[in-house]
N, C-alpha and C. Protein backbone atom coordinates (compact mmCIF):
# COMPACT_ATOMS: atom_id res chain seq x y z
N MET A 1 0.83 -1.20 0.00
CA MET A 1 0.00 0.00 0.00
C MET A 1 0.87 1.26 0.00
N PHE A 2 1.95 1.23 0.79
CA PHE A 2 2.85 2.39 0.85
C PHE A 2 3.49 2.66 -0.51
N ASP A 3 3.82 1.58 -1.23
CA ASP A 3 4.42 1.74 -2.56
C ASP A 3 3.46 2.47 -3.50
N PHE A 4 2.19 2.13 -3.42
CA PHE A 4 1.19 2.77 -4.28
C PHE A 4 1.07 4.26 -3.96
N ILE A 5 1.05 4.60 -2.68
CA ILE A 5 0.95 6.01 -2.26
C ILE A 5 2.18 6.78 -2.75
N LEU A 6 3.35 6.17 -2.61
CA LEU A 6 4.58 6.80 -3.08
C LEU A 6 4.55 7.00 -4.59
N TYR A 7 4.05 5.99 -5.30
CA TYR A 7 3.94 6.08 -6.76
C TYR A 7 3.01 7.23 -7.17
N VAL A 8 1.86 7.33 -6.54
CA VAL A 8 0.89 8.39 -6.86
C VAL A 8 1.50 9.76 -6.54
N ALA A 9 2.19 9.87 -5.42
CA ALA A 9 2.82 11.14 -5.05
C ALA A 9 3.86 11.55 -6.09
N CYS A 10 4.66 10.61 -6.55
CA CYS A 10 5.69 10.91 -7.56
C CYS A 10 5.06 11.33 -8.88
N VAL A 11 3.99 10.65 -9.28
CA VAL A 11 3.31 10.99 -10.53
C VAL A 11 2.73 12.40 -10.44
N LEU A 12 2.06 12.71 -9.35
CA LEU A 12 1.48 14.04 -9.18
C LEU A 12 2.56 15.12 -9.14
N PHE A 13 3.68 14.83 -8.49
CA PHE A 13 4.79 15.78 -8.44
C PHE A 13 5.34 16.02 -9.85
N GLY A 14 5.48 14.96 -10.63
CA GLY A 14 5.97 15.09 -12.01
C GLY A 14 5.03 15.90 -12.88
N ILE A 15 3.74 15.67 -12.73
CA ILE A 15 2.76 16.44 -13.51
C ILE A 15 2.81 17.91 -13.11
N GLY A 16 2.90 18.19 -11.82
CA GLY A 16 2.98 19.58 -11.35
C GLY A 16 4.23 20.27 -11.85
N LEU A 17 5.36 19.58 -11.81
CA LEU A 17 6.61 20.15 -12.29
C LEU A 17 6.55 20.42 -13.79
N GLY A 18 6.00 19.48 -14.52
CA GLY A 18 5.85 19.67 -15.97
C GLY A 18 4.95 20.84 -16.29
N PHE A 19 3.89 21.01 -15.53
CA PHE A 19 2.98 22.15 -15.75
C PHE A 19 3.70 23.47 -15.51
N LEU A 20 4.49 23.54 -14.44
CA LEU A 20 5.22 24.78 -14.15
C LEU A 20 6.21 25.12 -15.26
N ILE A 21 6.94 24.12 -15.72
CA ILE A 21 7.92 24.35 -16.80
C ILE A 21 7.19 24.80 -18.06
N PHE A 22 6.10 24.12 -18.42
CA PHE A 22 5.36 24.48 -19.62
C PHE A 22 4.79 25.89 -19.52
N ARG A 23 4.27 26.24 -18.35
CA ARG A 23 3.67 27.57 -18.17
C ARG A 23 4.73 28.66 -18.34
N ASN A 24 5.90 28.47 -17.76
CA ASN A 24 6.97 29.46 -17.89
C ASN A 24 7.41 29.60 -19.34
N ASN A 25 7.55 28.50 -20.05
CA ASN A 25 7.96 28.56 -21.45
C ASN A 25 6.86 29.14 -22.32
N ALA A 26 5.60 28.86 -21.99
CA ALA A 26 4.49 29.40 -22.78
C ALA A 26 4.45 30.92 -22.66
N VAL A 27 4.77 31.46 -21.49
CA VAL A 27 4.80 32.91 -21.32
C VAL A 27 5.90 33.51 -22.19
N LYS A 28 7.07 32.88 -22.21
CA LYS A 28 8.18 33.37 -23.03
C LYS A 28 7.81 33.34 -24.51
N ILE A 29 7.18 32.26 -24.95
CA ILE A 29 6.78 32.14 -26.36
C ILE A 29 5.75 33.20 -26.70
N ASP A 30 4.80 33.44 -25.81
CA ASP A 30 3.77 34.44 -26.04
C ASP A 30 4.38 35.83 -26.14
N ASP A 31 5.34 36.16 -25.27
CA ASP A 31 6.03 37.45 -25.35
C ASP A 31 6.75 37.59 -26.68
N PHE A 32 7.37 36.51 -27.13
CA PHE A 32 8.11 36.55 -28.39
C PHE A 32 7.15 36.80 -29.57
N LEU A 33 6.00 36.15 -29.54
CA LEU A 33 5.06 36.29 -30.65
C LEU A 33 4.39 37.65 -30.69
N ASN A 34 4.33 38.34 -29.56
CA ASN A 34 3.67 39.65 -29.50
C ASN A 34 4.62 40.82 -29.74
N ARG A 35 5.83 40.54 -30.19
CA ARG A 35 6.77 41.63 -30.46
C ARG A 35 6.39 42.36 -31.73
N SER A 36 6.86 43.61 -31.82
CA SER A 36 6.57 44.40 -33.02
C SER A 36 7.54 44.03 -34.13
N GLU A 37 7.26 44.52 -35.33
CA GLU A 37 8.10 44.21 -36.50
C GLU A 37 9.54 44.68 -36.30
N SER A 38 9.72 45.88 -35.75
CA SER A 38 11.08 46.41 -35.57
C SER A 38 11.87 45.57 -34.57
N GLU A 39 11.20 45.12 -33.50
CA GLU A 39 11.89 44.27 -32.52
C GLU A 39 12.29 42.94 -33.14
N LEU A 40 11.39 42.38 -33.97
CA LEU A 40 11.70 41.11 -34.63
C LEU A 40 12.85 41.28 -35.61
N LYS A 41 12.90 42.42 -36.31
CA LYS A 41 14.00 42.66 -37.25
C LYS A 41 15.32 42.79 -36.49
N GLU A 42 15.31 43.50 -35.36
CA GLU A 42 16.53 43.61 -34.54
C GLU A 42 16.99 42.23 -34.07
N PHE A 43 16.04 41.40 -33.62
CA PHE A 43 16.37 40.05 -33.16
C PHE A 43 16.96 39.23 -34.30
N LYS A 44 16.35 39.34 -35.48
CA LYS A 44 16.84 38.60 -36.65
C LYS A 44 18.26 39.05 -37.00
N ASP A 45 18.52 40.35 -36.95
CA ASP A 45 19.85 40.87 -37.24
C ASP A 45 20.88 40.36 -36.24
N LYS A 46 20.51 40.32 -34.96
CA LYS A 46 21.42 39.80 -33.93
C LYS A 46 21.76 38.34 -34.19
N VAL A 47 20.73 37.56 -34.50
CA VAL A 47 20.94 36.13 -34.75
C VAL A 47 21.82 35.95 -35.98
N GLN A 48 21.55 36.72 -37.03
CA GLN A 48 22.34 36.61 -38.26
C GLN A 48 23.79 36.99 -38.02
N SER A 49 24.03 38.04 -37.21
CA SER A 49 25.41 38.44 -36.93
C SER A 49 26.14 37.35 -36.13
N LYS A 50 25.44 36.70 -35.21
CA LYS A 50 26.05 35.59 -34.46
C LYS A 50 26.39 34.43 -35.39
N ILE A 51 25.48 34.13 -36.32
CA ILE A 51 25.73 33.05 -37.28
C ILE A 51 26.95 33.38 -38.12
N ASP A 52 27.03 34.61 -38.60
CA ASP A 52 28.18 35.02 -39.41
C ASP A 52 29.48 34.94 -38.61
N GLU A 53 29.42 35.36 -37.35
CA GLU A 53 30.60 35.30 -36.48
C GLU A 53 31.07 33.86 -36.30
N LEU A 54 30.13 32.95 -36.08
CA LEU A 54 30.49 31.54 -35.90
C LEU A 54 31.04 30.93 -37.18
N LYS A 55 30.50 31.34 -38.33
CA LYS A 55 31.02 30.85 -39.61
C LYS A 55 32.46 31.31 -39.81
N LYS A 56 32.75 32.58 -39.46
CA LYS A 56 34.11 33.10 -39.59
C LYS A 56 35.06 32.33 -38.68
N ARG A 57 34.61 32.03 -37.48
CA ARG A 57 35.44 31.27 -36.53
C ARG A 57 35.73 29.88 -37.05
N ASN A 58 34.75 29.30 -37.72
CA ASN A 58 34.88 27.94 -38.23
C ASN A 58 35.88 27.87 -39.38
N ASP A 59 35.99 28.93 -40.16
CA ASP A 59 36.90 28.95 -41.32
C ASP A 59 38.32 29.14 -40.95
């Protein structure tokens, strides 16, 4: 009986932890999707410059 209670407690803890992680990531994704065009262009330029920098390092 104790094993079953421990099993249920672990499952509920895992579900709760997964929900917290998903909720935090969902907020970040929502913030990213609600950005304006200029912010997205700045972000794209930053990412592109990092990619170019890494390509130069690789060569």
